[in-house]
Amino acid sequence: MLDMNSYITERYSRQIILREIGEDGQRKLRKSSVLIVGLGGLGSPVALYLSAAGIGRIGLCDNDIVNLSNLQRQILYSESSEGLPKAKSARKRLSELSSATVFDIWEEGLNQSNASHIISRYDIIVDCTDNHLIRYIIDDKCQELGKTWIYGAIEGFEGQVATFCADGPRYSDLFPEREALSMLPSASGGVIGTLPGIIGSLQAAEVIKIICGFGETLVGKLLLFNLKELTLNKIGL
């Protein structure tokens, strides 16, 4: 029988020795739940790092299947995953990484009709989509339900990260052109494969900091990263 205390002590030892996390922070991670909306370029590193960090429950929300062109940047999958549903394929890979984490799959994806039902089940929401309409839905429902969510976006060599909470600036404040942006199709432009790894890692770090309560977060700020120029800037919202 698995001795959970021994498992946690050994598995997360390099994390627990950090003063900012410690045993108390590790317990908070284990008791927390996170929903990842979108399991592509950003969702891959977010899911991997949050699973590895010891999040207790993770929701995997995506209605897409794995395509060969995904593999240049979507590191959750392998060539043998081609044609399989992303949510199921991700759960299989992540369960091998963290047997102590409970993984929920939402193969229907997130939409206006199910958003409240799904989002209400989790403490923190991570936006890893490439669709403005879905982001506005997340923004509305998180505001309504009092949830914190982490936004991420990538294109070409540039990425953005911000954290939104119920009593701070909203995504709709940052991008007020709701009707026009909601009509745009999902992003399909080029992106260097390493960029989502960087932006997704920053999103995962935001989740860990918020749960454990240390460091400076991106609440009320927008982080702008340019891989080609190697610049990193923060602006207030």
Protein backbone atom coordinates (compact mmCIF):
# COMPACT_ATOMS: atom_id res chain seq x y z
CA MET A 1 0.00 0.00 0.00
CA LEU A 2 1.27 3.47 -0.90
CA ASP A 3 2.41 5.49 2.10
CA MET A 4 1.17 8.92 0.97
CA ASN A 5 3.27 10.87 3.50
CA SER A 6 6.47 9.15 2.40
CA TYR A 7 5.49 9.52 -1.24
CA ILE A 8 4.92 13.27 -0.89
CA THR A 9 8.10 13.81 1.13
CA GLU A 10 10.26 12.08 -1.47
CA ARG A 11 8.40 13.04 -4.64
CA TYR A 12 8.31 16.76 -3.91
CA SER A 13 11.44 17.08 -1.77
CA ARG A 14 13.15 19.65 -4.02
CA GLN A 15 10.00 21.77 -3.88
CA ILE A 16 9.30 21.32 -0.17
CA ILE A 17 12.76 22.57 0.83
CA LEU A 18 11.93 25.95 -0.67
CA ARG A 19 10.96 28.30 2.16
CA GLU A 20 8.22 29.80 0.01
CA ILE A 21 6.52 26.40 -0.38
CA GLY A 22 7.47 23.99 2.38
CA GLU A 23 5.19 21.22 3.63
CA ASP A 24 2.28 23.61 4.11
CA GLY A 25 2.49 24.83 0.52
CA GLN A 26 2.71 21.27 -0.77
CA ARG A 27 -0.46 20.40 1.15
CA LYS A 28 -2.18 23.40 -0.42
CA LEU A 29 -1.17 22.19 -3.89
CA ARG A 30 -2.49 18.71 -3.16
CA LYS A 31 -5.83 20.11 -1.95
CA SER A 32 -6.23 22.44 -4.93
CA SER A 33 -8.01 21.96 -8.23
CA VAL A 34 -7.16 23.54 -11.58
CA LEU A 35 -9.01 23.55 -14.88
CA ILE A 36 -6.92 23.76 -18.06
CA VAL A 37 -8.98 24.97 -21.02
CA GLY A 38 -7.18 23.97 -24.20
CA LEU A 39 -4.60 21.20 -24.41
CA GLY A 40 -2.46 22.47 -27.27
CA GLY A 41 0.80 24.39 -27.28
CA LEU A 42 0.15 26.24 -24.01
CA GLY A 43 -1.90 23.53 -22.36
CA SER A 44 0.87 20.96 -22.81
CA PRO A 45 3.49 22.59 -20.53
CA VAL A 46 0.82 23.87 -18.13
CA ALA A 47 -0.59 20.36 -17.68
CA LEU A 48 2.84 18.74 -17.37
CA TYR A 49 4.22 21.19 -14.83
CA LEU A 50 1.08 21.38 -12.68
CA SER A 51 0.84 17.59 -12.61
CA ALA A 52 4.50 17.34 -11.66
CA ALA A 53 4.05 20.01 -8.97
CA GLY A 54 1.42 17.94 -7.14
CA ILE A 55 -1.89 19.63 -7.92
CA GLY A 56 -4.57 17.32 -6.48
CA ARG A 57 -7.19 17.57 -9.23
CA ILE A 58 -6.77 18.79 -12.79
CA GLY A 59 -9.53 19.26 -15.35
CA LEU A 60 -8.49 18.64 -18.97
CA CYS A 61 -10.87 20.48 -21.30
CA ASP A 62 -10.51 20.17 -25.09
CA ASN A 63 -12.72 18.84 -27.89
CA ASP A 64 -9.94 18.49 -30.47
CA ILE A 65 -7.96 15.49 -31.71
CA VAL A 66 -4.20 15.22 -32.12
CA ASN A 67 -2.91 16.13 -35.59
CA LEU A 68 0.59 15.56 -36.92
CA SER A 69 1.15 19.32 -37.27
CA ASN A 70 0.52 19.73 -33.52
CA LEU A 71 3.64 17.82 -32.53
CA GLN A 72 6.06 20.65 -33.31
CA ARG A 73 4.93 22.40 -30.13
CA GLN A 74 2.33 20.26 -28.29
CA ILE A 75 4.70 18.19 -26.18
CA LEU A 76 2.01 16.20 -24.36
CA TYR A 77 1.62 13.98 -27.40
CA SER A 78 3.63 11.61 -29.58
CA GLU A 79 3.22 10.42 -33.15
CA SER A 80 1.26 7.43 -31.86
CA SER A 81 -1.33 9.90 -30.48
CA GLU A 82 -2.30 11.13 -33.95
CA GLY A 83 -6.05 10.96 -34.45
CA LEU A 84 -6.81 10.43 -30.76
CA PRO A 85 -8.84 12.85 -28.60
CA LYS A 86 -6.50 15.29 -26.88
CA ALA A 87 -8.23 15.07 -23.49
CA LYS A 88 -7.97 11.27 -23.29
CA SER A 89 -4.44 11.20 -24.67
CA ALA A 90 -3.37 13.90 -22.21
CA ARG A 91 -4.89 12.05 -19.25
CA LYS A 92 -2.99 8.88 -20.16
CA ARG A 93 0.34 10.71 -20.36
CA LEU A 94 -0.22 12.77 -17.23
CA SER A 95 -1.40 9.83 -15.14
CA GLU A 96 1.95 8.20 -15.81
CA LEU A 97 3.65 11.36 -14.56
CA SER A 98 1.55 11.83 -11.41
CA SER A 99 -0.44 8.86 -10.14
CA ALA A 100 -1.60 10.85 -7.10
CA THR A 101 -3.40 13.46 -9.23
CA VAL A 102 -7.05 13.03 -10.19
CA PHE A 103 -7.68 13.95 -13.84
CA ASP A 104 -11.12 14.92 -15.11
CA ILE A 105 -11.65 15.06 -18.86
CA TRP A 106 -14.11 17.36 -20.60
CA GLU A 107 -14.11 16.19 -24.21
CA GLU A 108 -16.91 18.51 -25.24
CA GLY A 109 -14.68 21.53 -24.69
CA LEU A 110 -15.86 24.73 -23.04
CA ASN A 111 -18.84 26.65 -24.38
CA GLN A 112 -21.52 29.05 -23.22
CA SER A 113 -23.89 26.31 -22.13
CA ASN A 114 -21.49 24.25 -20.02
CA ALA A 115 -19.03 26.88 -18.77
CA SER A 116 -20.66 27.51 -15.39
CA HIS A 117 -21.01 23.79 -14.69
CA ILE A 118 -17.36 23.07 -15.48
CA ILE A 119 -15.66 26.18 -14.09
CA SER A 120 -17.54 26.04 -10.77
CA ARG A 121 -15.76 22.75 -9.93
CA TYR A 122 -12.24 24.23 -9.85
CA ASP A 123 -10.27 26.72 -7.77
CA ILE A 124 -8.23 28.26 -10.60
CA ILE A 125 -8.79 28.31 -14.35
CA VAL A 126 -5.95 28.42 -16.89
CA ASP A 127 -6.77 29.70 -20.37
CA CYS A 128 -4.67 27.87 -22.94
CA THR A 129 -6.99 28.44 -25.88
CA ASP A 130 -6.43 30.31 -29.11
CA ASN A 131 -9.96 31.69 -29.29
CA HIS A 132 -11.21 35.10 -28.13
CA LEU A 133 -14.82 33.96 -27.74
CA ILE A 134 -13.86 31.24 -25.28
CA ARG A 135 -11.74 33.73 -23.35
CA TYR A 136 -14.68 36.10 -22.99
CA ILE A 137 -16.79 33.19 -21.73
CA ILE A 138 -14.09 32.32 -19.19
CA ASP A 139 -13.86 35.97 -18.17
CA ASP A 140 -17.62 36.27 -17.66
CA LYS A 141 -18.04 33.03 -15.76
CA CYS A 142 -14.99 33.55 -13.54
CA GLN A 143 -16.26 37.01 -12.65
CA GLU A 144 -19.71 35.56 -11.89
CA LEU A 145 -18.32 32.69 -9.82
CA GLY A 146 -15.50 34.62 -8.13
CA LYS A 147 -12.73 32.54 -9.72
CA THR A 148 -9.17 33.53 -10.57
CA TRP A 149 -7.93 32.72 -14.06
CA ILE A 150 -4.64 32.97 -15.91
CA TYR A 151 -4.65 34.15 -19.52
CA GLY A 152 -1.99 33.18 -22.03
CA ALA A 153 -1.55 33.88 -25.74
CA ILE A 154 1.15 33.22 -28.32
CA GLU A 155 1.84 34.18 -31.92
CA GLY A 156 5.01 34.01 -33.96
CA PHE A 157 7.78 34.88 -31.51
CA GLU A 158 5.65 36.80 -28.98
CA GLY A 159 3.56 35.81 -25.99
CA GLN A 160 1.42 37.35 -23.26
CA VAL A 161 0.39 36.33 -19.75
CA ALA A 162 -1.97 38.00 -17.27
CA THR A 163 -3.90 36.95 -14.18
CA PHE A 164 -7.47 38.07 -13.61
CA CYS A 165 -9.38 37.89 -10.33
CA ALA A 166 -12.88 38.90 -9.36
CA ASP A 167 -11.89 42.20 -7.74
CA GLY A 168 -9.33 43.34 -10.34
CA PRO A 169 -9.17 44.39 -13.99
CA ARG A 170 -10.85 41.99 -16.39
CA TYR A 171 -9.93 40.50 -19.75
CA SER A 172 -12.81 42.49 -21.22
CA ASP A 173 -11.12 45.65 -19.91
CA LEU A 174 -7.89 44.71 -21.66
CA PHE A 175 -9.70 43.76 -24.88
CA PRO A 176 -12.98 45.72 -24.96
CA GLU A 177 -13.72 44.95 -28.64
CA ARG A 178 -15.74 41.89 -27.63
CA GLU A 179 -18.03 41.59 -30.63
CA ALA A 180 -15.33 42.03 -33.26
CA LEU A 181 -12.78 39.76 -31.57
CA SER A 182 -15.35 37.05 -30.82
CA MET A 183 -16.04 36.76 -34.55
CA LEU A 184 -12.41 35.95 -35.36
CA PRO A 185 -11.47 32.31 -36.03
CA SER A 186 -9.03 30.45 -33.82
CA ALA A 187 -5.43 31.45 -34.38
CA SER A 188 -3.71 29.57 -37.20
CA GLY A 189 -0.54 31.58 -37.78
CA GLY A 190 3.02 30.41 -37.34
CA VAL A 191 4.65 29.97 -33.96
CA ILE A 192 8.11 28.82 -32.95
CA GLY A 193 7.79 25.59 -31.00
CA THR A 194 9.66 26.71 -27.89
CA LEU A 195 7.49 29.80 -27.31
CA PRO A 196 4.46 27.99 -25.83
CA GLY A 197 6.84 26.16 -23.51
CA ILE A 198 8.00 29.48 -22.09
CA ILE A 199 4.57 31.11 -21.84
CA GLY A 200 2.91 27.95 -20.55
CA SER A 201 5.60 27.59 -17.88
CA LEU A 202 4.91 31.15 -16.76
CA GLN A 203 1.20 30.36 -16.53
CA ALA A 204 1.91 27.25 -14.44
CA ALA A 205 4.19 29.27 -12.18
CA GLU A 206 1.39 31.79 -11.62
CA VAL A 207 -0.90 28.98 -10.47
CA ILE A 208 1.67 27.64 -8.02
CA LYS A 209 2.42 31.11 -6.61
CA ILE A 210 -1.26 31.90 -6.13
CA ILE A 211 -2.01 28.61 -4.40
CA CYS A 212 1.04 28.74 -2.12
CA GLY A 213 0.77 32.50 -1.54
CA PHE A 214 4.25 33.76 -2.35
CA GLY A 215 5.93 36.15 -4.76
CA GLU A 216 4.53 38.78 -7.10
CA THR A 217 1.73 37.67 -9.38
CA LEU A 218 0.40 39.16 -12.60
CA VAL A 219 -2.90 40.34 -11.12
CA GLY A 220 -3.49 43.76 -12.66
CA LYS A 221 -0.50 43.36 -15.00
CA LEU A 222 0.17 42.14 -18.52
CA LEU A 223 3.48 40.43 -19.19
CA LEU A 224 4.81 40.75 -22.75
CA PHE A 225 7.57 38.42 -23.97
CA ASN A 226 9.43 38.59 -27.28
CA LEU A 227 11.56 35.53 -27.96
CA LYS A 228 13.30 36.94 -31.03
CA GLU A 229 14.40 40.12 -29.26
CA LEU A 230 14.68 38.44 -25.82
CA THR A 231 12.67 41.19 -24.13
CA LEU A 232 10.32 40.82 -21.18
CA ASN A 233 8.08 43.71 -20.11
CA LYS A 234 5.21 44.21 -17.69
CA ILE A 235 2.54 46.88 -18.02
CA GLY A 236 -0.20 47.81 -15.58
CA LEU A 237 -3.82 47.25 -16.54
